[in-house]
Amino acid sequence: MTNEEVEQLLKSDLALSDVKVKSEGTHYQIIAIDDQFEGMSRVKKQQMIYSPLSEKIADGTIHAITIKTFSNSQWEREKLFNS
């Protein structure tokens, strides 16, 4: 599964503002950005991201995922600190 396919799946299923995906083989790093993460627990955020990918995880297409989630304002701050 390509990075673009993962991005498109998450954007279409979850209506996210933005998604960034990097991968190495079957290991994926996902940054998901949307205001719906505001006030949500870390577990709920991860469950939300895992949900559309569960079939690909079950069949081994995706083996491991690292997830970071940000609201739009948190993402703007993150970009400032890491630029």
C-alpha atoms as a PDB file:
ATOM      1  CA  MET A   1       0.000   0.000   0.000  1.00  0.00           C
ATOM      2  CA  THR A   2       1.485   3.345  -1.007  1.00  0.00           C
ATOM      3  CA  ASN A   3       1.732   6.381   1.248  1.00  0.00           C
ATOM      4  CA  GLU A   4      -0.722   8.175  -1.032  1.00  0.00           C
ATOM      5  CA  GLU A   5      -3.265   5.337  -0.718  1.00  0.00           C
ATOM      6  CA  VAL A   6      -3.064   5.488   3.092  1.00  0.00           C
ATOM      7  CA  GLU A   7      -3.436   9.284   3.015  1.00  0.00           C
ATOM      8  CA  GLN A   8      -6.449   9.095   0.704  1.00  0.00           C
ATOM      9  CA  LEU A   9      -8.114   6.357   2.774  1.00  0.00           C
ATOM     10  CA  LEU A  10      -7.759   8.322   6.005  1.00  0.00           C
ATOM     11  CA  LYS A  11      -8.819  11.633   4.438  1.00  0.00           C
ATOM     12  CA  SER A  12     -11.906  10.149   2.801  1.00  0.00           C
ATOM     13  CA  ASP A  13     -13.025   7.987   5.748  1.00  0.00           C
ATOM     14  CA  LEU A  14     -12.284  10.497   8.514  1.00  0.00           C
ATOM     15  CA  ALA A  15     -12.609  13.873   6.719  1.00  0.00           C
ATOM     16  CA  LEU A  16      -9.248  15.045   8.076  1.00  0.00           C
ATOM     17  CA  SER A  17      -7.790  18.478   7.255  1.00  0.00           C
ATOM     18  CA  ASP A  18      -4.456  16.909   6.357  1.00  0.00           C
ATOM     19  CA  VAL A  19      -2.580  13.621   6.620  1.00  0.00           C
ATOM     20  CA  LYS A  20       1.127  12.981   6.181  1.00  0.00           C
ATOM     21  CA  VAL A  21       2.419   9.427   5.733  1.00  0.00           C
ATOM     22  CA  LYS A  22       5.928   8.005   5.565  1.00  0.00           C
ATOM     23  CA  SER A  23       6.652   4.318   5.263  1.00  0.00           C
ATOM     24  CA  GLU A  24       9.424   1.800   5.195  1.00  0.00           C
ATOM     25  CA  GLY A  25       8.129  -1.525   3.969  1.00  0.00           C
ATOM     26  CA  THR A  26       5.062  -2.372   6.053  1.00  0.00           C
ATOM     27  CA  HIS A  27       5.885   0.144   8.818  1.00  0.00           C
ATOM     28  CA  TYR A  28       3.988   3.436   8.559  1.00  0.00           C
ATOM     29  CA  GLN A  29       4.352   6.782  10.320  1.00  0.00           C
ATOM     30  CA  ILE A  30       1.143   8.807  10.218  1.00  0.00           C
ATOM     31  CA  ILE A  31       0.583  12.441  11.165  1.00  0.00           C
ATOM     32  CA  ALA A  32      -3.125  13.293  11.166  1.00  0.00           C
ATOM     33  CA  ILE A  33      -4.318  16.883  11.461  1.00  0.00           C
ATOM     34  CA  ASP A  34      -7.859  18.029  12.210  1.00  0.00           C
ATOM     35  CA  ASP A  35      -9.768  19.992  14.829  1.00  0.00           C
ATOM     36  CA  GLN A  36     -11.858  16.926  15.700  1.00  0.00           C
ATOM     37  CA  PHE A  37      -8.850  15.713  17.751  1.00  0.00           C
ATOM     38  CA  GLU A  38      -9.238  18.678  20.124  1.00  0.00           C
ATOM     39  CA  GLY A  39     -10.146  17.371  23.600  1.00  0.00           C
ATOM     40  CA  MET A  40     -10.048  13.718  22.509  1.00  0.00           C
ATOM     41  CA  SER A  41      -8.061  11.185  24.569  1.00  0.00           C
ATOM     42  CA  ARG A  42      -4.927   9.649  23.057  1.00  0.00           C
ATOM     43  CA  VAL A  43      -6.621   6.240  22.959  1.00  0.00           C
ATOM     44  CA  LYS A  44      -9.662   7.619  21.099  1.00  0.00           C
ATOM     45  CA  LYS A  45      -7.395   9.362  18.589  1.00  0.00           C
ATOM     46  CA  GLN A  46      -5.511   6.139  17.897  1.00  0.00           C
ATOM     47  CA  GLN A  47      -8.720   4.119  17.616  1.00  0.00           C
ATOM     48  CA  MET A  48     -10.024   6.652  15.126  1.00  0.00           C
ATOM     49  CA  ILE A  49      -6.921   6.319  12.916  1.00  0.00           C
ATOM     50  CA  TYR A  50      -6.737   2.518  13.225  1.00  0.00           C
ATOM     51  CA  SER A  51     -10.383   1.997  12.256  1.00  0.00           C
ATOM     52  CA  PRO A  52     -10.136   2.593   8.472  1.00  0.00           C
ATOM     53  CA  LEU A  53      -6.816   0.704   8.369  1.00  0.00           C
ATOM     54  CA  SER A  54      -7.948  -2.371  10.328  1.00  0.00           C
ATOM     55  CA  GLU A  55      -8.464  -4.552   7.249  1.00  0.00           C
ATOM     56  CA  LYS A  56      -4.951  -3.773   5.963  1.00  0.00           C
ATOM     57  CA  ILE A  57      -3.492  -4.456   9.415  1.00  0.00           C
ATOM     58  CA  ALA A  58      -5.352  -7.776   9.648  1.00  0.00           C
ATOM     59  CA  ASP A  59      -4.144  -8.995   6.240  1.00  0.00           C
ATOM     60  CA  GLY A  60      -0.527  -7.951   6.931  1.00  0.00           C
ATOM     61  CA  THR A  61      -0.351  -5.167   4.333  1.00  0.00           C
ATOM     62  CA  ILE A  62       0.368  -2.837   7.247  1.00  0.00           C
ATOM     63  CA  HIS A  63       2.459  -4.333  10.034  1.00  0.00           C
ATOM     64  CA  ALA A  64       3.213  -1.388  12.320  1.00  0.00           C
ATOM     65  CA  ILE A  65       1.914   2.161  12.698  1.00  0.00           C
ATOM     66  CA  THR A  66       3.233   5.176  14.562  1.00  0.00           C
ATOM     67  CA  ILE A  67       0.528   7.815  14.976  1.00  0.00           C
ATOM     68  CA  LYS A  68       0.773  11.489  15.862  1.00  0.00           C
ATOM     69  CA  THR A  69      -2.363  13.619  15.902  1.00  0.00           C
ATOM     70  CA  PHE A  70      -2.729  17.378  16.048  1.00  0.00           C
ATOM     71  CA  SER A  71      -5.505  19.940  15.930  1.00  0.00           C
ATOM     72  CA  ASN A  72      -4.938  22.597  13.261  1.00  0.00           C
ATOM     73  CA  SER A  73      -3.598  25.099  15.824  1.00  0.00           C
ATOM     74  CA  GLN A  74      -1.361  22.454  17.453  1.00  0.00           C
ATOM     75  CA  TRP A  75       0.031  21.591  14.014  1.00  0.00           C
ATOM     76  CA  GLU A  76       0.855  25.246  13.308  1.00  0.00           C
ATOM     77  CA  ARG A  77       2.798  25.412  16.601  1.00  0.00           C
ATOM     78  CA  GLU A  78       4.526  22.096  15.857  1.00  0.00           C
ATOM     79  CA  LYS A  79       5.672  23.367  12.464  1.00  0.00           C
ATOM     80  CA  LEU A  80       7.053  26.563  14.035  1.00  0.00           C
ATOM     81  CA  PHE A  81       9.047  24.656  16.660  1.00  0.00           C
ATOM     82  CA  ASN A  82      10.403  22.104  14.204  1.00  0.00           C
ATOM     83  CA  SER A  83      11.263  24.288  11.228  1.00  0.00           C
END
